[in-house]
């Protein structure tokens, strides 16, 4: 993980149990923490969603 995390380990410890498990069929989902970091970056920088 990057040094500049928006979601600390303590915060992630509280969020992780709320994330859905991988589906039984089909491919695995992307890492939940990485996806949430990307969403936080998008809102923190006011970047367009396509970036």
N, C-alpha and C. Protein backbone atom coordinates (compact mmCIF):
# COMPACT_ATOMS: atom_id res chain seq x y z
N UNK A 1 0.83 -1.19 0.00
CA UNK A 1 0.00 0.00 0.00
C UNK A 1 0.87 1.25 0.00
N UNK A 2 0.30 2.30 -0.45
CA UNK A 2 0.98 3.58 -0.52
C UNK A 2 1.13 4.19 0.88
N UNK A 3 2.08 5.09 1.00
CA UNK A 3 2.28 5.79 2.26
C UNK A 3 1.15 6.78 2.51
N UNK A 4 0.58 7.34 1.45
CA UNK A 4 -0.47 8.36 1.56
C UNK A 4 -1.85 7.73 1.53
N UNK A 5 -2.18 6.98 2.51
CA UNK A 5 -3.48 6.33 2.57
C UNK A 5 -4.53 7.29 3.11
N UNK A 6 -5.69 7.27 2.50
CA UNK A 6 -6.80 8.07 3.01
C UNK A 6 -7.54 7.28 4.09
N UNK A 7 -7.47 5.97 4.00
CA UNK A 7 -8.15 5.11 4.96
C UNK A 7 -7.07 4.45 5.83
N UNK A 8 -7.03 4.82 7.08
CA UNK A 8 -6.02 4.26 7.98
C UNK A 8 -6.33 2.80 8.29
N UNK A 9 -5.37 2.12 8.88
CA UNK A 9 -5.56 0.71 9.24
C UNK A 9 -6.67 0.56 10.28
N UNK A 10 -6.78 1.52 11.18
CA UNK A 10 -7.83 1.47 12.20
C UNK A 10 -9.21 1.62 11.54
N UNK A 11 -9.32 2.60 10.64
CA UNK A 11 -10.59 2.79 9.94
C UNK A 11 -10.93 1.57 9.10
N UNK A 12 -9.92 1.01 8.41
CA UNK A 12 -10.17 -0.16 7.57
C UNK A 12 -10.61 -1.36 8.41
N UNK A 13 -10.08 -1.49 9.62
CA UNK A 13 -10.49 -2.57 10.51
C UNK A 13 -11.97 -2.52 10.84
N UNK A 14 -12.53 -1.32 10.89
CA UNK A 14 -13.97 -1.18 11.16
C UNK A 14 -14.81 -1.35 9.91
N UNK A 15 -14.26 -0.98 8.75
CA UNK A 15 -15.01 -1.05 7.49
C UNK A 15 -15.00 -2.45 6.88
N UNK A 16 -13.87 -3.15 7.00
CA UNK A 16 -13.69 -4.43 6.31
C UNK A 16 -14.79 -5.46 6.57
N UNK A 17 -15.27 -5.63 7.81
CA UNK A 17 -16.34 -6.62 8.02
C UNK A 17 -17.64 -6.28 7.30
N UNK A 18 -17.82 -5.03 6.91
CA UNK A 18 -19.04 -4.62 6.22
C UNK A 18 -18.99 -4.88 4.71
N UNK A 19 -17.83 -5.17 4.19
CA UNK A 19 -17.66 -5.40 2.76
C UNK A 19 -18.19 -6.78 2.39
N UNK A 20 -18.81 -6.90 1.21
CA UNK A 20 -19.35 -8.21 0.80
C UNK A 20 -18.22 -9.19 0.48
N UNK A 21 -18.51 -10.46 0.65
CA UNK A 21 -17.55 -11.52 0.32
C UNK A 21 -17.49 -11.69 -1.19
N UNK A 22 -16.44 -12.36 -1.66
CA UNK A 22 -16.33 -12.63 -3.09
C UNK A 22 -17.49 -13.50 -3.54
N UNK A 23 -17.96 -13.28 -4.77
CA UNK A 23 -19.08 -14.09 -5.26
C UNK A 23 -18.67 -15.55 -5.45
N UNK A 24 -19.63 -16.43 -5.34
CA UNK A 24 -19.36 -17.86 -5.51
C UNK A 24 -19.08 -18.16 -6.98
N UNK A 25 -19.82 -17.52 -7.86
CA UNK A 25 -19.64 -17.73 -9.30
C UNK A 25 -19.00 -16.49 -9.90
N UNK A 26 -18.27 -16.69 -10.98
CA UNK A 26 -17.65 -15.56 -11.66
C UNK A 26 -16.28 -15.24 -11.08
N UNK A 27 -15.73 -14.14 -11.56
CA UNK A 27 -14.38 -13.79 -11.11
C UNK A 27 -14.42 -13.01 -9.81
N UNK A 28 -13.27 -12.96 -9.14
CA UNK A 28 -13.17 -12.26 -7.86
C UNK A 28 -13.26 -10.76 -8.09
N UNK A 29 -13.74 -10.05 -7.08
CA UNK A 29 -13.81 -8.60 -7.14
C UNK A 29 -12.44 -8.01 -6.91
N UNK A 30 -12.30 -6.75 -7.30
CA UNK A 30 -11.07 -6.02 -6.99
C UNK A 30 -10.96 -5.86 -5.48
N UNK A 31 -9.77 -5.60 -5.01
CA UNK A 31 -9.56 -5.41 -3.58
C UNK A 31 -10.42 -4.24 -3.08
N UNK A 32 -11.22 -4.46 -2.06
CA UNK A 32 -12.15 -3.44 -1.58
C UNK A 32 -11.43 -2.20 -1.08
N UNK A 33 -10.33 -2.38 -0.36
CA UNK A 33 -9.63 -1.20 0.18
C UNK A 33 -9.09 -0.32 -0.94
N UNK A 34 -8.55 -0.94 -1.96
CA UNK A 34 -8.02 -0.17 -3.10
C UNK A 34 -9.14 0.60 -3.81
N UNK A 35 -10.28 -0.02 -3.95
CA UNK A 35 -11.42 0.64 -4.58
C UNK A 35 -11.88 1.83 -3.74
N UNK A 36 -11.98 1.67 -2.43
CA UNK A 36 -12.39 2.78 -1.57
C UNK A 36 -11.36 3.90 -1.56
N UNK A 37 -10.07 3.55 -1.63
CA UNK A 37 -9.02 4.56 -1.72
C UNK A 37 -9.19 5.38 -3.00
N UNK A 38 -9.52 4.71 -4.10
CA UNK A 38 -9.71 5.41 -5.38
C UNK A 38 -10.90 6.36 -5.30
N UNK A 39 -11.97 5.94 -4.68
CA UNK A 39 -13.15 6.80 -4.53
C UNK A 39 -12.81 8.00 -3.65
N UNK A 40 -12.07 7.77 -2.57
CA UNK A 40 -11.66 8.87 -1.69
C UNK A 40 -10.77 9.85 -2.44
N UNK A 41 -9.85 9.34 -3.26
CA UNK A 41 -8.97 10.20 -4.06
C UNK A 41 -9.79 11.05 -5.02
N UNK A 42 -10.79 10.45 -5.65
CA UNK A 42 -11.63 11.17 -6.61
C UNK A 42 -12.30 12.36 -5.95
N UNK A 43 -12.87 12.15 -4.78
CA UNK A 43 -13.56 13.25 -4.10
C UNK A 43 -12.60 14.25 -3.47
N UNK A 44 -11.44 13.78 -3.03
CA UNK A 44 -10.45 14.67 -2.41
C UNK A 44 -9.85 15.63 -3.45
N UNK A 45 -9.67 15.16 -4.69
CA UNK A 45 -9.04 15.98 -5.73
C UNK A 45 -10.05 16.66 -6.65
N UNK A 46 -11.34 16.35 -6.49
CA UNK A 46 -12.40 16.88 -7.36
C UNK A 46 -12.14 16.53 -8.83
N UNK A 47 -11.56 15.38 -9.06
CA UNK A 47 -11.28 14.93 -10.42
C UNK A 47 -12.54 14.37 -11.06
N UNK A 48 -12.65 14.47 -12.39
CA UNK A 48 -13.79 13.84 -13.06
C UNK A 48 -13.76 12.33 -12.85
N UNK A 49 -14.90 11.69 -12.81
CA UNK A 49 -14.98 10.26 -12.52
C UNK A 49 -14.16 9.44 -13.52
N UNK A 50 -14.10 9.86 -14.78
CA UNK A 50 -13.40 9.07 -15.81
C UNK A 50 -11.89 9.00 -15.54
N UNK A 51 -11.34 9.92 -14.72
CA UNK A 51 -9.92 9.89 -14.40
C UNK A 51 -9.66 8.85 -13.35
